[in-house]
Amino acid sequence: MTSMPQITSLFERPITLPDSDAQARLARLVGMDDKIRRLANILSLLINPAGLKAWQAKHHGEAASLLEVVLRRPPLVILAGDVGSGKTELAETIGDKVARQEDLDITLLPLSLSSRGQGRVGEMTQLVSSAFEHAYNEATKVKGSGAKARGGVILLIDEADALAQSRESEQMHHEDRAGVNAFIRGIDKLASARLPVAVLMCTNRLSALDPAVRRRAADVLVFSRPTLEQREHLLTLWFSQLGFTALQIQALAQATGESDRTPYGYTFSDLTQRLLPTIVLDAYPDNSVTAERALDLVRSIAPTPPFKDGPQAVN
């Protein structure tokens, strides 16, 4: 008989938002203003629909039935896109903006990668069910007696295709199918209870997700590599402090894009986690950072190859 998993083994460290560290991390996501605003609004409606109801009463008093359709969407949002595109960082920090915007505390529950299980019969189903049950119970505590919630819960599932891959695959094990079924039941239970809770799923392979999971998403945000304009904006934030001219920064932005060497440019994480530290550490401790040397280093660093995915069924 499979024993119930401990909550400490299901999740990475739960975080109560707002949180100053999450706020600072979110502010560093340059070039994602539209996605940040869109995701924050979606989560605000899912967690605390009182704001939308107040808006409807003020601007469209006769549109109650329309509002009901909007609020009936399942509490699931999918963030999909290439590796290093910033989707996980956004998922981990967006709750801070929502907490501040709605003036309530939000508990972030990041599902632990180790909770995927060891492949024992029934284990995956039990893990998925336990994660949703815990999120359900936590959200029930802060639902509130009136229209406004007293708090909220975000269940974060990174690498979601490992838990909710399509059941249409002939190679799929029956235990994995059962796990996907448990996942769908969990989403449906949260939706029917209309609790202050949302589920964020991050995946590099949108087409690998089960169609029934994709259909339940209130929204799908697709992430791509930074454009030339976004790269130039990010590099300006850094290198203008070092005295680089606009032309020098433009040259760096061009060099981090597509080239004869690679048909793809740098990811956000290539820029923040590889390029900038490399340039700084190359000059440390005896030299200053120069535009010429920075450009040489850019040309020596190959961008991360794209994650290969099949045709995406959701736009």
C-alpha atoms as a PDB file:
ATOM      1  CA  MET A   1       0.000   0.000   0.000  1.00  0.00           C
ATOM      2  CA  THR A   2       1.350   3.455  -0.989  1.00  0.00           C
ATOM      3  CA  SER A   3       1.675   5.841   1.939  1.00  0.00           C
ATOM      4  CA  MET A   4       0.745   9.500   1.654  1.00  0.00           C
ATOM      5  CA  PRO A   5       3.792  11.621   0.697  1.00  0.00           C
ATOM      6  CA  GLN A   6       4.998  14.232   3.153  1.00  0.00           C
ATOM      7  CA  ILE A   7       4.291  17.841   2.198  1.00  0.00           C
ATOM      8  CA  THR A   8       7.981  18.695   2.644  1.00  0.00           C
ATOM      9  CA  SER A   9       8.855  16.187  -0.064  1.00  0.00           C
ATOM     10  CA  LEU A  10       6.203  17.465  -2.481  1.00  0.00           C
ATOM     11  CA  PHE A  11       7.337  21.061  -2.725  1.00  0.00           C
ATOM     12  CA  GLU A  12      10.480  23.103  -2.841  1.00  0.00           C
ATOM     13  CA  ARG A  13      10.567  25.838  -0.211  1.00  0.00           C
ATOM     14  CA  PRO A  14       7.090  27.480  -0.197  1.00  0.00           C
ATOM     15  CA  ILE A  15       7.281  31.273  -0.379  1.00  0.00           C
ATOM     16  CA  THR A  16       4.884  33.849   1.019  1.00  0.00           C
ATOM     17  CA  LEU A  17       4.451  36.818  -1.306  1.00  0.00           C
ATOM     18  CA  PRO A  18       4.912  39.761  -1.470  1.00  0.00           C
ATOM     19  CA  ASP A  19       8.635  39.272  -1.043  1.00  0.00           C
ATOM     20  CA  SER A  20      11.404  41.786  -1.743  1.00  0.00           C
ATOM     21  CA  ASP A  21      13.656  39.232  -3.433  1.00  0.00           C
ATOM     22  CA  ALA A  22      10.884  38.114  -5.793  1.00  0.00           C
ATOM     23  CA  GLN A  23      10.094  41.750  -6.546  1.00  0.00           C
ATOM     24  CA  ALA A  24      13.730  42.454  -7.486  1.00  0.00           C
ATOM     25  CA  ARG A  25      13.940  39.325  -9.674  1.00  0.00           C
ATOM     26  CA  LEU A  26      10.744  40.271 -11.478  1.00  0.00           C
ATOM     27  CA  ALA A  27      12.077  43.781 -12.130  1.00  0.00           C
ATOM     28  CA  ARG A  28      15.113  42.285 -13.876  1.00  0.00           C
ATOM     29  CA  LEU A  29      12.943  40.588 -16.516  1.00  0.00           C
ATOM     30  CA  VAL A  30      13.548  43.205 -19.170  1.00  0.00           C
ATOM     31  CA  GLY A  31      11.446  43.175 -22.319  1.00  0.00           C
ATOM     32  CA  MET A  32       8.585  41.177 -20.797  1.00  0.00           C
ATOM     33  CA  ASP A  33       6.277  44.032 -19.824  1.00  0.00           C
ATOM     34  CA  ASP A  34       3.372  42.762 -21.923  1.00  0.00           C
ATOM     35  CA  LYS A  35       3.644  39.197 -20.583  1.00  0.00           C
ATOM     36  CA  ILE A  36       4.043  40.417 -17.007  1.00  0.00           C
ATOM     37  CA  ARG A  37       0.955  42.610 -17.262  1.00  0.00           C
ATOM     38  CA  ARG A  38      -1.078  39.907 -19.017  1.00  0.00           C
ATOM     39  CA  LEU A  39      -0.132  37.159 -16.577  1.00  0.00           C
ATOM     40  CA  ALA A  40      -0.638  39.376 -13.521  1.00  0.00           C
ATOM     41  CA  ASN A  41      -4.145  40.292 -14.705  1.00  0.00           C
ATOM     42  CA  ILE A  42      -5.066  36.663 -15.391  1.00  0.00           C
ATOM     43  CA  LEU A  43      -3.850  35.531 -11.982  1.00  0.00           C
ATOM     44  CA  SER A  44      -5.554  38.454 -10.264  1.00  0.00           C
ATOM     45  CA  LEU A  45      -8.899  37.428 -11.756  1.00  0.00           C
ATOM     46  CA  LEU A  46      -8.399  33.764 -10.884  1.00  0.00           C
ATOM     47  CA  ILE A  47      -7.297  34.432  -7.315  1.00  0.00           C
ATOM     48  CA  ASN A  48      -9.412  37.470  -6.475  1.00  0.00           C
ATOM     49  CA  PRO A  49     -12.368  38.019  -8.854  1.00  0.00           C
ATOM     50  CA  ALA A  50     -13.749  40.811  -6.669  1.00  0.00           C
ATOM     51  CA  GLY A  51     -11.758  43.370  -8.670  1.00  0.00           C
ATOM     52  CA  LEU A  52     -13.310  42.284 -11.971  1.00  0.00           C
ATOM     53  CA  LYS A  53     -16.775  42.329 -10.435  1.00  0.00           C
ATOM     54  CA  ALA A  54     -16.223  45.906  -9.265  1.00  0.00           C
ATOM     55  CA  TRP A  55     -15.042  46.867 -12.765  1.00  0.00           C
ATOM     56  CA  GLN A  56     -18.117  45.239 -14.329  1.00  0.00           C
ATOM     57  CA  ALA A  57     -20.464  47.033 -11.934  1.00  0.00           C
ATOM     58  CA  LYS A  58     -18.852  50.388 -12.754  1.00  0.00           C
ATOM     59  CA  HIS A  59     -18.494  50.119 -16.526  1.00  0.00           C
ATOM     60  CA  HIS A  60     -20.870  47.373 -17.722  1.00  0.00           C
ATOM     61  CA  GLY A  61     -23.628  46.943 -15.184  1.00  0.00           C
ATOM     62  CA  GLU A  62     -25.746  44.789 -17.487  1.00  0.00           C
ATOM     63  CA  ALA A  63     -22.954  42.344 -18.396  1.00  0.00           C
ATOM     64  CA  ALA A  64     -23.193  39.948 -15.456  1.00  0.00           C
ATOM     65  CA  SER A  65     -23.589  36.884 -17.699  1.00  0.00           C
ATOM     66  CA  LEU A  66     -20.497  37.868 -19.686  1.00  0.00           C
ATOM     67  CA  LEU A  67     -18.540  38.221 -16.474  1.00  0.00           C
ATOM     68  CA  GLU A  68     -19.617  34.769 -15.383  1.00  0.00           C
ATOM     69  CA  VAL A  69     -18.093  33.253 -18.528  1.00  0.00           C
ATOM     70  CA  VAL A  70     -14.790  34.991 -17.841  1.00  0.00           C
ATOM     71  CA  LEU A  71     -14.722  33.829 -14.227  1.00  0.00           C
ATOM     72  CA  ARG A  72     -15.628  30.238 -15.094  1.00  0.00           C
ATOM     73  CA  ARG A  73     -12.287  29.546 -16.765  1.00  0.00           C
ATOM     74  CA  PRO A  74     -10.183  26.804 -15.153  1.00  0.00           C
ATOM     75  CA  PRO A  75      -7.432  28.190 -12.896  1.00  0.00           C
ATOM     76  CA  LEU A  76      -4.600  27.045 -15.194  1.00  0.00           C
ATOM     77  CA  VAL A  77      -2.072  29.076 -17.172  1.00  0.00           C
ATOM     78  CA  ILE A  78       0.617  27.499 -19.355  1.00  0.00           C
ATOM     79  CA  LEU A  79       3.962  29.207 -19.966  1.00  0.00           C
ATOM     80  CA  ALA A  80       5.648  27.598 -22.956  1.00  0.00           C
ATOM     81  CA  GLY A  81       8.777  28.350 -24.909  1.00  0.00           C
ATOM     82  CA  ASP A  82      12.431  27.841 -25.546  1.00  0.00           C
ATOM     83  CA  VAL A  83      14.932  27.014 -22.850  1.00  0.00           C
ATOM     84  CA  GLY A  84      16.331  30.101 -21.138  1.00  0.00           C
ATOM     85  CA  SER A  85      13.477  32.309 -22.293  1.00  0.00           C
ATOM     86  CA  GLY A  86      12.592  33.502 -18.777  1.00  0.00           C
ATOM     87  CA  LYS A  87       9.301  31.656 -18.345  1.00  0.00           C
ATOM     88  CA  THR A  88      10.283  29.888 -15.103  1.00  0.00           C
ATOM     89  CA  GLU A  89      11.725  33.068 -13.604  1.00  0.00           C
ATOM     90  CA  LEU A  90       8.486  34.860 -14.406  1.00  0.00           C
ATOM     91  CA  ALA A  91       6.405  32.030 -12.960  1.00  0.00           C
ATOM     92  CA  GLU A  92       8.401  32.109  -9.724  1.00  0.00           C
ATOM     93  CA  THR A  93       8.096  35.872  -9.257  1.00  0.00           C
ATOM     94  CA  ILE A  94       4.815  37.050 -10.814  1.00  0.00           C
ATOM     95  CA  GLY A  95       2.947  36.250  -7.605  1.00  0.00           C
ATOM     96  CA  ASP A  96       4.708  39.175  -5.954  1.00  0.00           C
ATOM     97  CA  LYS A  97       3.104  41.626  -8.391  1.00  0.00           C
ATOM     98  CA  VAL A  98      -0.299  40.005  -7.928  1.00  0.00           C
ATOM     99  CA  ALA A  99       0.025  40.087  -4.132  1.00  0.00           C
ATOM    100  CA  ARG A 100       0.867  43.792  -4.181  1.00  0.00           C
ATOM    101  CA  GLN A 101      -1.785  44.589  -6.784  1.00  0.00           C
ATOM    102  CA  GLU A 102      -4.552  42.789  -4.893  1.00  0.00           C
ATOM    103  CA  ASP A 103      -3.240  43.656  -1.411  1.00  0.00           C
ATOM    104  CA  LEU A 104      -3.199  40.092  -0.107  1.00  0.00           C
ATOM    105  CA  ASP A 105      -0.691  37.382   0.754  1.00  0.00           C
ATOM    106  CA  ILE A 106      -0.054  34.631  -1.773  1.00  0.00           C
ATOM    107  CA  THR A 107       1.601  31.299  -1.039  1.00  0.00           C
ATOM    108  CA  LEU A 108       3.768  29.958  -3.866  1.00  0.00           C
ATOM    109  CA  LEU A 109       3.988  26.159  -3.896  1.00  0.00           C
ATOM    110  CA  PRO A 110       6.731  25.057  -6.333  1.00  0.00           C
ATOM    111  CA  LEU A 111       6.298  21.339  -7.015  1.00  0.00           C
ATOM    112  CA  SER A 112       9.619  19.617  -6.338  1.00  0.00           C
ATOM    113  CA  LEU A 113      11.383  17.912  -9.235  1.00  0.00           C
ATOM    114  CA  SER A 114      12.096  15.036  -6.867  1.00  0.00           C
ATOM    115  CA  SER A 115       8.354  14.515  -6.425  1.00  0.00           C
ATOM    116  CA  ARG A 116       8.150  12.966  -9.893  1.00  0.00           C
ATOM    117  CA  GLY A 117       8.456   9.627  -8.146  1.00  0.00           C
ATOM    118  CA  GLN A 118      10.511   6.482  -8.623  1.00  0.00           C
ATOM    119  CA  GLY A 119       8.165   4.728 -11.037  1.00  0.00           C
ATOM    120  CA  ARG A 120       6.469   2.503  -8.448  1.00  0.00           C
ATOM    121  CA  VAL A 121       2.906   1.528  -9.263  1.00  0.00           C
ATOM    122  CA  GLY A 122       0.458   4.200  -8.102  1.00  0.00           C
ATOM    123  CA  GLU A 123       3.167   6.578  -6.925  1.00  0.00           C
ATOM    124  CA  MET A 124       2.810   9.232  -9.635  1.00  0.00           C
ATOM    125  CA  THR A 125      -0.956   9.381  -9.215  1.00  0.00           C
ATOM    126  CA  GLN A 126      -0.567   9.714  -5.441  1.00  0.00           C
ATOM    127  CA  LEU A 127       1.998  12.493  -5.763  1.00  0.00           C
ATOM    128  CA  VAL A 128      -0.075  14.522  -8.209  1.00  0.00           C
ATOM    129  CA  SER A 129      -3.251  14.026  -6.183  1.00  0.00           C
ATOM    130  CA  SER A 130      -1.491  15.029  -2.954  1.00  0.00           C
ATOM    131  CA  ALA A 131      -0.071  18.197  -4.505  1.00  0.00           C
ATOM    132  CA  PHE A 132      -3.488  19.340  -5.727  1.00  0.00           C
ATOM    133  CA  GLU A 133      -5.133  18.358  -2.457  1.00  0.00           C
ATOM    134  CA  HIS A 134      -2.667  20.462  -0.487  1.00  0.00           C
ATOM    135  CA  ALA A 135      -3.198  23.441  -2.799  1.00  0.00           C
ATOM    136  CA  TYR A 136      -6.960  22.958  -2.450  1.00  0.00           C
ATOM    137  CA  ASN A 137      -6.789  22.888   1.344  1.00  0.00           C
ATOM    138  CA  GLU A 138      -4.521  25.941   1.546  1.00  0.00           C
ATOM    139  CA  ALA A 139      -6.790  27.915  -0.796  1.00  0.00           C
ATOM    140  CA  THR A 140      -9.865  26.917   1.210  1.00  0.00           C
ATOM    141  CA  LYS A 141      -8.327  28.530   4.297  1.00  0.00           C
ATOM    142  CA  VAL A 142      -8.063  31.948   2.595  1.00  0.00           C
ATOM    143  CA  LYS A 143     -11.186  31.927   0.446  1.00  0.00           C
ATOM    144  CA  GLY A 144     -12.953  34.494   2.585  1.00  0.00           C
ATOM    145  CA  SER A 145     -16.642  34.808   3.323  1.00  0.00           C
ATOM    146  CA  GLY A 146     -17.272  37.720   0.947  1.00  0.00           C
ATOM    147  CA  ALA A 147     -16.296  38.464  -2.642  1.00  0.00           C
ATOM    148  CA  LYS A 148     -12.703  39.381  -1.801  1.00  0.00           C
ATOM    149  CA  ALA A 149     -10.260  36.610  -0.966  1.00  0.00           C
ATOM    150  CA  ARG A 150      -8.174  36.838   2.198  1.00  0.00           C
ATOM    151  CA  GLY A 151      -5.174  35.345   0.394  1.00  0.00           C
ATOM    152  CA  GLY A 152      -4.224  33.179  -2.538  1.00  0.00           C
ATOM    153  CA  VAL A 153      -2.250  30.127  -3.637  1.00  0.00           C
ATOM    154  CA  ILE A 154      -0.151  29.503  -6.757  1.00  0.00           C
ATOM    155  CA  LEU A 155       0.829  25.918  -7.532  1.00  0.00           C
ATOM    156  CA  LEU A 156       3.897  26.029  -9.794  1.00  0.00           C
ATOM    157  CA  ILE A 157       4.772  23.025 -11.948  1.00  0.00           C
ATOM    158  CA  ASP A 158       8.021  23.362 -13.882  1.00  0.00           C
ATOM    159  CA  GLU A 159       8.917  20.923 -16.675  1.00  0.00           C
ATOM    160  CA  ALA A 160       5.199  20.179 -16.799  1.00  0.00           C
ATOM    161  CA  ASP A 161       5.454  17.858 -19.807  1.00  0.00           C
ATOM    162  CA  ALA A 162       7.049  15.298 -17.463  1.00  0.00           C
ATOM    163  CA  LEU A 163       3.782  15.148 -15.489  1.00  0.00           C
ATOM    164  CA  ALA A 164       1.118  15.946 -18.064  1.00  0.00           C
ATOM    165  CA  GLN A 165       2.413  14.481 -21.308  1.00  0.00           C
ATOM    166  CA  SER A 166      -0.072  13.431 -23.934  1.00  0.00           C
ATOM    167  CA  ARG A 167      -1.941  10.190 -23.306  1.00  0.00           C
ATOM    168  CA  GLU A 168      -2.118   9.727 -27.087  1.00  0.00           C
ATOM    169  CA  SER A 169       1.423   8.355 -27.152  1.00  0.00           C
ATOM    170  CA  GLU A 170       1.500   4.613 -27.769  1.00  0.00           C
ATOM    171  CA  GLN A 171       4.661   4.294 -25.669  1.00  0.00           C
ATOM    172  CA  MET A 172       3.082   5.889 -22.616  1.00  0.00           C
ATOM    173  CA  HIS A 173       3.044   3.688 -19.518  1.00  0.00           C
ATOM    174  CA  HIS A 174      -0.314   3.107 -17.828  1.00  0.00           C
ATOM    175  CA  GLU A 175       1.022   4.675 -14.616  1.00  0.00           C
ATOM    176  CA  ASP A 176       1.848   7.874 -16.502  1.00  0.00           C
ATOM    177  CA  ARG A 177      -1.655   7.887 -17.982  1.00  0.00           C
ATOM    178  CA  ALA A 178      -3.088   7.576 -14.497  1.00  0.00           C
ATOM    179  CA  GLY A 179      -0.924  10.505 -13.378  1.00  0.00           C
ATOM    180  CA  VAL A 180      -2.275  12.692 -16.189  1.00  0.00           C
ATOM    181  CA  ASN A 181      -5.820  11.686 -15.263  1.00  0.00           C
ATOM    182  CA  ALA A 182      -5.109  12.717 -11.672  1.00  0.00           C
ATOM    183  CA  PHE A 183      -3.729  16.033 -12.923  1.00  0.00           C
ATOM    184  CA  ILE A 184      -6.896  16.749 -14.904  1.00  0.00           C
ATOM    185  CA  ARG A 185      -9.087  15.796 -11.940  1.00  0.00           C
ATOM    186  CA  GLY A 186      -7.083  18.182  -9.771  1.00  0.00           C
ATOM    187  CA  ILE A 187      -7.602  21.101 -12.179  1.00  0.00           C
ATOM    188  CA  ASP A 188     -11.305  20.350 -12.467  1.00  0.00           C
ATOM    189  CA  LYS A 189     -11.729  20.148  -8.690  1.00  0.00           C
ATOM    190  CA  LEU A 190     -10.072  23.548  -8.211  1.00  0.00           C
ATOM    191  CA  ALA A 191     -12.214  25.034 -10.985  1.00  0.00           C
ATOM    192  CA  SER A 192     -15.504  23.756  -9.579  1.00  0.00           C
ATOM    193  CA  ALA A 193     -14.686  24.981  -6.068  1.00  0.00           C
ATOM    194  CA  ARG A 194     -13.859  28.484  -7.340  1.00  0.00           C
ATOM    195  CA  LEU A 195     -11.101  28.933  -4.808  1.00  0.00           C
ATOM    196  CA  PRO A 196      -8.420  31.687  -4.739  1.00  0.00           C
ATOM    197  CA  VAL A 197      -5.861  29.445  -6.429  1.00  0.00           C
ATOM    198  CA  ALA A 198      -4.061  29.226  -9.769  1.00  0.00           C
ATOM    199  CA  VAL A 199      -1.840  26.607 -11.361  1.00  0.00           C
ATOM    200  CA  LEU A 200       1.159  27.732 -13.435  1.00  0.00           C
ATOM    201  CA  MET A 201       2.728  25.159 -15.754  1.00  0.00           C
ATOM    202  CA  CYS A 202       6.072  25.743 -17.477  1.00  0.00           C
ATOM    203  CA  THR A 203       7.178  23.611 -20.407  1.00  0.00           C
ATOM    204  CA  ASN A 204       9.698  23.571 -23.230  1.00  0.00           C
ATOM    205  CA  ARG A 205       7.417  21.236 -25.199  1.00  0.00           C
ATOM    206  CA  LEU A 206       3.923  22.604 -25.529  1.00  0.00           C
ATOM    207  CA  SER A 207       2.982  19.994 -28.119  1.00  0.00           C
ATOM    208  CA  ALA A 208       3.895  17.220 -25.653  1.00  0.00           C
ATOM    209  CA  LEU A 209       1.206  18.259 -23.165  1.00  0.00           C
ATOM    210  CA  ASP A 210      -1.985  16.267 -23.152  1.00  0.00           C
ATOM    211  CA  PRO A 211      -4.683  17.945 -25.296  1.00  0.00           C
ATOM    212  CA  ALA A 212      -7.152  17.831 -22.406  1.00  0.00           C
ATOM    213  CA  VAL A 213      -4.687  19.788 -20.269  1.00  0.00           C
ATOM    214  CA  ARG A 214      -4.123  22.391 -22.983  1.00  0.00           C
ATOM    215  CA  ARG A 215      -7.879  22.820 -23.478  1.00  0.00           C
ATOM    216  CA  ARG A 216      -8.273  23.627 -19.790  1.00  0.00           C
ATOM    217  CA  ALA A 217      -5.779  26.482 -19.839  1.00  0.00           C
ATOM    218  CA  ALA A 218      -7.239  29.921 -19.226  1.00  0.00           C
ATOM    219  CA  ASP A 219      -4.322  31.227 -21.266  1.00  0.00           C
ATOM    220  CA  VAL A 220      -1.122  30.059 -22.940  1.00  0.00           C
ATOM    221  CA  LEU A 221       1.838  32.440 -22.983  1.00  0.00           C
ATOM    222  CA  VAL A 222       4.492  31.540 -25.553  1.00  0.00           C
ATOM    223  CA  PHE A 223       8.041  32.763 -24.890  1.00  0.00           C
ATOM    224  CA  SER A 224      10.721  33.301 -27.492  1.00  0.00           C
ATOM    225  CA  ARG A 225      14.316  34.549 -27.534  1.00  0.00           C
ATOM    226  CA  PRO A 226      14.879  38.276 -27.014  1.00  0.00           C
ATOM    227  CA  THR A 227      14.597  40.458 -30.089  1.00  0.00           C
ATOM    228  CA  LEU A 228      17.318  42.869 -31.170  1.00  0.00           C
ATOM    229  CA  GLU A 229      15.456  45.686 -29.446  1.00  0.00           C
ATOM    230  CA  GLN A 230      15.154  43.713 -26.206  1.00  0.00           C
ATOM    231  CA  ARG A 231      18.817  42.707 -26.255  1.00  0.00           C
ATOM    232  CA  GLU A 232      19.875  46.293 -26.870  1.00  0.00           C
ATOM    233  CA  HIS A 233      17.693  47.533 -24.014  1.00  0.00           C
ATOM    234  CA  LEU A 234      19.116  44.964 -21.593  1.00  0.00           C
ATOM    235  CA  LEU A 235      22.719  45.594 -22.629  1.00  0.00           C
ATOM    236  CA  THR A 236      22.190  49.354 -22.302  1.00  0.00           C
ATOM    237  CA  LEU A 237      21.124  48.898 -18.674  1.00  0.00           C
ATOM    238  CA  TRP A 238      24.420  47.152 -17.953  1.00  0.00           C
ATOM    239  CA  PHE A 239      27.064  48.695 -20.147  1.00  0.00           C
ATOM    240  CA  SER A 240      26.014  52.337 -20.172  1.00  0.00           C
ATOM    241  CA  GLN A 241      27.204  52.286 -16.540  1.00  0.00           C
ATOM    242  CA  LEU A 242      30.653  51.346 -17.835  1.00  0.00           C
ATOM    243  CA  GLY A 243      30.818  54.209 -20.307  1.00  0.00           C
ATOM    244  CA  PHE A 244      29.958  52.242 -23.451  1.00  0.00           C
ATOM    245  CA  THR A 245      28.556  54.393 -26.261  1.00  0.00           C
ATOM    246  CA  ALA A 246      25.241  53.697 -27.962  1.00  0.00           C
ATOM    247  CA  LEU A 247      27.073  52.461 -31.052  1.00  0.00           C
ATOM    248  CA  GLN A 248      29.191  50.054 -28.999  1.00  0.00           C
ATOM    249  CA  ILE A 249      26.099  48.664 -27.287  1.00  0.00           C
ATOM    250  CA  GLN A 250      24.353  48.300 -30.647  1.00  0.00           C
ATOM    251  CA  ALA A 251      27.321  46.270 -31.889  1.00  0.00           C
ATOM    252  CA  LEU A 252      27.048  43.967 -28.879  1.00  0.00           C
ATOM    253  CA  ALA A 253      23.302  43.574 -29.432  1.00  0.00           C
ATOM    254  CA  GLN A 254      23.874  42.672 -33.071  1.00  0.00           C
ATOM    255  CA  ALA A 255      26.581  40.159 -32.143  1.00  0.00           C
ATOM    256  CA  THR A 256      24.287  38.339 -29.699  1.00  0.00           C
ATOM    257  CA  GLY A 257      21.712  37.689 -32.413  1.00  0.00           C
ATOM    258  CA  GLU A 258      21.552  35.329 -35.380  1.00  0.00           C
ATOM    259  CA  SER A 259      24.728  34.979 -37.388  1.00  0.00           C
ATOM    260  CA  ASP A 260      26.426  32.895 -40.074  1.00  0.00           C
ATOM    261  CA  ARG A 261      27.667  30.692 -37.256  1.00  0.00           C
ATOM    262  CA  THR A 262      24.263  30.019 -35.669  1.00  0.00           C
ATOM    263  CA  PRO A 263      20.762  30.699 -37.023  1.00  0.00           C
ATOM    264  CA  TYR A 264      19.593  31.640 -33.513  1.00  0.00           C
ATOM    265  CA  GLY A 265      20.601  34.289 -31.014  1.00  0.00           C
ATOM    266  CA  TYR A 266      21.234  34.424 -27.283  1.00  0.00           C
ATOM    267  CA  THR A 267      18.536  33.473 -24.798  1.00  0.00           C
ATOM    268  CA  PHE A 268      17.761  35.719 -21.825  1.00  0.00           C
ATOM    269  CA  SER A 269      19.721  33.356 -19.588  1.00  0.00           C
ATOM    270  CA  ASP A 270      22.665  33.386 -22.031  1.00  0.00           C
ATOM    271  CA  LEU A 271      22.830  37.141 -21.564  1.00  0.00           C
ATOM    272  CA  THR A 272      22.356  37.269 -17.810  1.00  0.00           C
ATOM    273  CA  GLN A 273      24.022  34.068 -16.629  1.00  0.00           C
ATOM    274  CA  ARG A 274      26.791  33.551 -19.176  1.00  0.00           C
ATOM    275  CA  LEU A 275      27.725  36.705 -21.069  1.00  0.00           C
ATOM    276  CA  LEU A 276      27.699  39.341 -18.334  1.00  0.00           C
ATOM    277  CA  PRO A 277      29.640  37.250 -15.757  1.00  0.00           C
ATOM    278  CA  THR A 278      32.154  36.245 -18.433  1.00  0.00           C
ATOM    279  CA  ILE A 279      32.835  39.860 -19.397  1.00  0.00           C
ATOM    280  CA  VAL A 280      33.190  41.009 -15.792  1.00  0.00           C
ATOM    281  CA  LEU A 281      35.387  38.110 -14.674  1.00  0.00           C
ATOM    282  CA  ASP A 282      37.587  38.478 -17.750  1.00  0.00           C
ATOM    283  CA  ALA A 283      38.526  41.990 -16.622  1.00  0.00           C
ATOM    284  CA  TYR A 284      38.751  41.223 -12.894  1.00  0.00           C
ATOM    285  CA  PRO A 285      40.941  41.943 -10.937  1.00  0.00           C
ATOM    286  CA  ASP A 286      43.455  44.057 -12.839  1.00  0.00           C
ATOM    287  CA  ASN A 287      41.711  45.505 -15.896  1.00  0.00           C
ATOM    288  CA  SER A 288      38.658  47.516 -16.771  1.00  0.00           C
ATOM    289  CA  VAL A 289      35.913  46.305 -19.063  1.00  0.00           C
ATOM    290  CA  THR A 290      36.315  47.570 -22.623  1.00  0.00           C
ATOM    291  CA  ALA A 291      33.866  47.458 -25.516  1.00  0.00           C
ATOM    292  CA  GLU A 292      36.415  45.855 -27.823  1.00  0.00           C
ATOM    293  CA  ARG A 293      37.172  43.006 -25.425  1.00  0.00           C
ATOM    294  CA  ALA A 294      33.457  42.545 -24.636  1.00  0.00           C
ATOM    295  CA  LEU A 295      32.727  42.134 -28.342  1.00  0.00           C
ATOM    296  CA  ASP A 296      35.489  39.536 -28.651  1.00  0.00           C
ATOM    297  CA  LEU A 297      33.986  37.569 -25.773  1.00  0.00           C
ATOM    298  CA  VAL A 298      30.507  37.727 -27.301  1.00  0.00           C
ATOM    299  CA  ARG A 299      31.854  36.151 -30.469  1.00  0.00           C
ATOM    300  CA  SER A 300      33.537  33.382 -28.470  1.00  0.00           C
ATOM    301  CA  ILE A 301      30.361  32.280 -26.653  1.00  0.00           C
ATOM    302  CA  ALA A 302      27.940  30.094 -28.578  1.00  0.00           C
ATOM    303  CA  PRO A 303      24.258  30.665 -27.718  1.00  0.00           C
ATOM    304  CA  THR A 304      22.279  27.798 -26.210  1.00  0.00           C
ATOM    305  CA  PRO A 305      20.738  25.640 -28.981  1.00  0.00           C
ATOM    306  CA  PRO A 306      16.933  25.770 -29.231  1.00  0.00           C
ATOM    307  CA  PHE A 307      14.902  23.045 -27.597  1.00  0.00           C
ATOM    308  CA  LYS A 308      13.342  21.009 -30.394  1.00  0.00           C
ATOM    309  CA  ASP A 309       9.583  20.635 -30.194  1.00  0.00           C
ATOM    310  CA  GLY A 310       6.939  19.402 -32.569  1.00  0.00           C
ATOM    311  CA  PRO A 311       4.178  21.529 -34.113  1.00  0.00           C
ATOM    312  CA  GLN A 312       2.330  23.479 -31.479  1.00  0.00           C
ATOM    313  CA  ALA A 313      -1.386  22.899 -31.344  1.00  0.00           C
ATOM    314  CA  VAL A 314      -2.170  26.020 -29.309  1.00  0.00           C
ATOM    315  CA  ASN A 315      -1.534  29.543 -30.519  1.00  0.00           C
END
